[in-house]
Protein backbone atom coordinates (compact mmCIF):
# COMPACT_ATOMS: atom_id res chain seq x y z
CA UNK A 1 12.50 -6.86 -62.29
CA UNK A 2 10.44 -9.93 -63.05
CA UNK A 3 9.59 -10.84 -66.61
CA UNK A 4 8.39 -8.00 -68.86
CA UNK A 5 4.71 -8.81 -69.25
CA UNK A 6 2.23 -6.17 -70.36
CA UNK A 7 -1.28 -6.27 -68.91
CA UNK A 8 -4.27 -7.68 -70.82
CA UNK A 9 -5.49 -4.29 -72.01
CA UNK A 10 -2.21 -2.46 -72.54
CA UNK A 11 -3.75 0.85 -73.69
CA UNK A 12 -6.05 1.13 -70.67
CA UNK A 13 -3.43 -0.11 -68.23
CA UNK A 14 -0.39 1.69 -69.64
CA UNK A 15 -0.15 4.05 -66.66
CA UNK A 16 -0.43 1.17 -64.18
CA UNK A 17 2.15 -0.84 -66.12
CA UNK A 18 4.55 2.12 -66.26
CA UNK A 19 4.12 2.74 -62.53
CA UNK A 20 4.76 -0.94 -61.81
CA UNK A 21 8.00 -0.86 -63.80
CA UNK A 22 9.06 2.39 -62.14
CA UNK A 23 8.54 0.95 -58.66
CA UNK A 24 10.82 -1.96 -59.52
CA UNK A 25 13.32 0.51 -60.94
CA UNK A 26 13.30 2.65 -57.78
CA UNK A 27 14.04 -0.22 -55.41
CA UNK A 28 17.81 -0.47 -56.11
CA UNK A 29 18.16 3.32 -55.73
CA UNK A 30 16.29 3.28 -52.42
CA UNK A 31 18.40 0.37 -51.17
CA UNK A 32 21.60 2.20 -52.09
CA UNK A 33 20.38 5.26 -50.16
CA UNK A 34 19.31 3.14 -47.17
CA UNK A 35 15.74 4.41 -47.70
CA UNK A 36 14.19 1.18 -46.50
CA UNK A 37 10.74 2.65 -45.84
CA UNK A 38 10.66 3.71 -49.50
CA UNK A 39 11.60 0.18 -50.56
CA UNK A 40 8.83 -1.21 -48.37
CA UNK A 41 6.36 1.25 -49.90
CA UNK A 42 7.38 0.29 -53.44
CA UNK A 43 7.17 -3.42 -52.65
CA UNK A 44 3.73 -2.98 -51.14
CA UNK A 45 2.52 -1.16 -54.26
CA UNK A 46 3.92 -3.91 -56.48
CA UNK A 47 2.19 -6.64 -54.47
CA UNK A 48 -1.08 -4.69 -54.40
CA UNK A 49 -0.92 -4.16 -58.17
CA UNK A 50 -0.41 -7.89 -58.74
CA UNK A 51 -3.32 -8.78 -56.45
CA UNK A 52 -5.55 -6.23 -58.24
CA UNK A 53 -4.54 -7.72 -61.58
CA UNK A 54 -5.41 -11.19 -60.34
CA UNK A 55 -8.81 -10.10 -59.02
CA UNK A 56 -9.66 -8.05 -62.13
CA UNK A 57 -8.46 -10.41 -64.83
CA UNK A 58 -8.67 -13.90 -63.40
CA UNK A 59 -11.62 -14.02 -61.02
CA UNK A 60 -15.31 -13.19 -61.27
CA UNK A 61 -14.83 -10.62 -58.50
CA UNK A 62 -16.07 -7.12 -59.37
CA UNK A 63 -13.41 -4.83 -57.92
CA UNK A 64 -15.51 -1.80 -58.87
CA UNK A 65 -17.99 -2.73 -56.13
CA UNK A 66 -15.40 -3.31 -53.42
CA UNK A 67 -15.82 -1.70 -50.04
CA UNK A 68 -12.98 0.30 -48.51
CA UNK A 69 -12.24 -2.60 -46.15
CA UNK A 70 -11.83 -5.02 -49.06
CA UNK A 71 -9.52 -2.66 -50.92
CA UNK A 72 -6.98 -2.41 -48.07
CA UNK A 73 -3.85 -4.54 -48.16
CA UNK A 74 -5.38 -6.87 -45.56
CA UNK A 75 -8.67 -6.98 -47.48
CA UNK A 76 -6.97 -7.83 -50.78
CA UNK A 77 -5.05 -10.66 -49.11
CA UNK A 78 -8.34 -11.98 -47.73
CA UNK A 79 -9.91 -11.88 -51.22
CA UNK A 80 -6.82 -13.53 -52.69
CA UNK A 81 -7.21 -16.37 -50.20
CA UNK A 82 -10.90 -16.63 -51.08
CA UNK A 83 -10.08 -17.30 -54.74
CA UNK A 84 -6.86 -19.25 -54.06
CA UNK A 85 -7.70 -21.15 -50.85
CA UNK A 86 -4.85 -23.66 -51.03
CA UNK A 87 -1.34 -22.62 -49.98
CA UNK A 88 0.70 -21.33 -52.90
CA UNK A 89 4.16 -22.88 -52.89
CA UNK A 90 7.21 -21.72 -54.79
CA UNK A 91 10.99 -21.99 -54.48
CA UNK A 92 11.08 -19.38 -51.70
CA UNK A 93 7.89 -19.94 -49.69
CA UNK A 94 5.79 -22.90 -48.60
CA UNK A 95 2.73 -20.66 -48.25
CA UNK A 96 3.00 -17.45 -50.24
CA UNK A 97 -0.25 -15.96 -48.96
CA UNK A 98 0.85 -16.50 -45.36
CA UNK A 99 4.26 -14.98 -46.18
CA UNK A 100 2.54 -11.88 -47.62
CA UNK A 101 0.28 -11.61 -44.55
CA UNK A 102 3.22 -11.93 -42.13
CA UNK A 103 5.23 -9.44 -44.14
CA UNK A 104 2.29 -6.99 -44.06
CA UNK A 105 2.26 -7.24 -40.27
CA UNK A 106 6.05 -6.82 -40.10
CA UNK A 107 5.75 -3.81 -42.40
CA UNK A 108 3.14 -2.28 -40.09
CA UNK A 109 5.29 -2.83 -37.01
CA UNK A 110 8.37 -1.39 -38.70
CA UNK A 111 6.54 1.61 -40.10
CA UNK A 112 5.11 2.57 -36.72
CA UNK A 113 7.67 1.28 -34.21
CA UNK A 114 9.69 4.49 -34.11
CA UNK A 115 6.76 6.86 -33.80
CA UNK A 116 3.82 5.06 -32.26
CA UNK A 117 3.86 3.36 -28.90
CA UNK A 118 1.94 0.12 -28.65
CA UNK A 119 1.04 -0.86 -25.11
CA UNK A 120 3.76 -3.04 -23.66
CA UNK A 121 6.30 -2.22 -26.38
CA UNK A 122 9.06 0.35 -26.38
CA UNK A 123 9.73 2.84 -29.14
CA UNK A 124 12.69 1.79 -31.26
CA UNK A 125 15.77 3.92 -31.70
CA UNK A 126 16.39 5.03 -35.28
CA UNK A 127 19.27 2.59 -35.94
CA UNK A 128 17.27 -0.33 -34.57
CA UNK A 129 14.27 0.71 -36.64
CA UNK A 130 16.47 0.97 -39.75
CA UNK A 131 17.68 -2.61 -39.25
CA UNK A 132 14.11 -3.89 -38.89
CA UNK A 133 13.03 -1.96 -41.98
CA UNK A 134 16.04 -3.22 -43.93
CA UNK A 135 15.10 -6.82 -43.13
CA UNK A 136 11.45 -6.15 -44.05
CA UNK A 137 12.53 -4.48 -47.31
CA UNK A 138 14.77 -7.38 -48.33
CA UNK A 139 12.10 -9.95 -47.48
CA UNK A 140 9.45 -7.88 -49.24
CA UNK A 141 11.46 -7.85 -52.47
CA UNK A 142 11.56 -11.65 -52.47
CA UNK A 143 7.86 -11.84 -51.69
CA UNK A 144 7.00 -9.38 -54.49
CA UNK A 145 9.03 -11.45 -56.96
CA UNK A 146 7.24 -14.59 -55.82
CA UNK A 147 3.81 -12.93 -56.15
CA UNK A 148 4.74 -11.76 -59.66
CA UNK A 149 5.99 -15.22 -60.63
CA UNK A 150 2.83 -16.81 -59.23
CA UNK A 151 0.64 -14.39 -61.20
CA UNK A 152 2.61 -15.14 -64.38
CA UNK A 153 1.99 -18.87 -63.87
CA UNK A 154 -1.73 -18.33 -63.20
CA UNK A 155 -2.06 -16.16 -66.30
CA UNK A 156 -0.19 -18.70 -68.40
CA UNK A 157 -2.49 -21.52 -67.25
CA UNK A 158 -5.56 -19.37 -67.94
CA UNK A 159 -4.27 -18.45 -71.38
CA UNK A 160 -3.53 -22.06 -72.19
CA UNK A 161 -6.98 -23.12 -71.02
CA UNK A 162 -8.76 -20.37 -72.98
CA UNK A 163 -6.49 -20.59 -76.00
CA UNK A 164 -5.75 -16.86 -75.97
CA UNK A 165 -3.32 -14.44 -74.42
CA UNK A 166 -4.23 -12.34 -71.39
CA UNK A 167 -0.90 -10.55 -71.57
CA UNK A 168 -0.63 -9.82 -75.28
CA UNK A 169 -3.59 -7.96 -76.84
CA UNK A 170 -2.64 -9.14 -80.36
CA UNK A 171 -3.40 -12.76 -79.41
CA UNK A 172 -7.02 -12.30 -78.36
């Protein structure tokens, strides 16, 4: 799991923080059980939580007034790009936002490829679907770590600029 960082308002966000930690904790168990769809689901929730944290704590965006469309995975990525328009680079990705968007699409294809027929595409056999989901799960873990690391850097810069801690309530 990435660095242990508690949210800005730890009392209010304790449930969210606990859930976030539990999702990271479940990933190795799901991998060991070859439950790749569960890994993908956990990774998605981790990424969504990080994007929500960014929008709530580090932008003027009022997430309480968001439409349903904006609160979807695709909508949150769009808002993320609005507030961070330049490509985010790290040691794994040249454009983290684009990597998240491509992974979201891969996740959608993997989640539905065995059950839903898209015109011009065949349904995948279970073993083939498992391999695709395994690859998406492994890539998603790396992406989630990169999103977390990016958010940590953004929070650190904001804290340094404001002279207070966003992650530690005692330093406000």
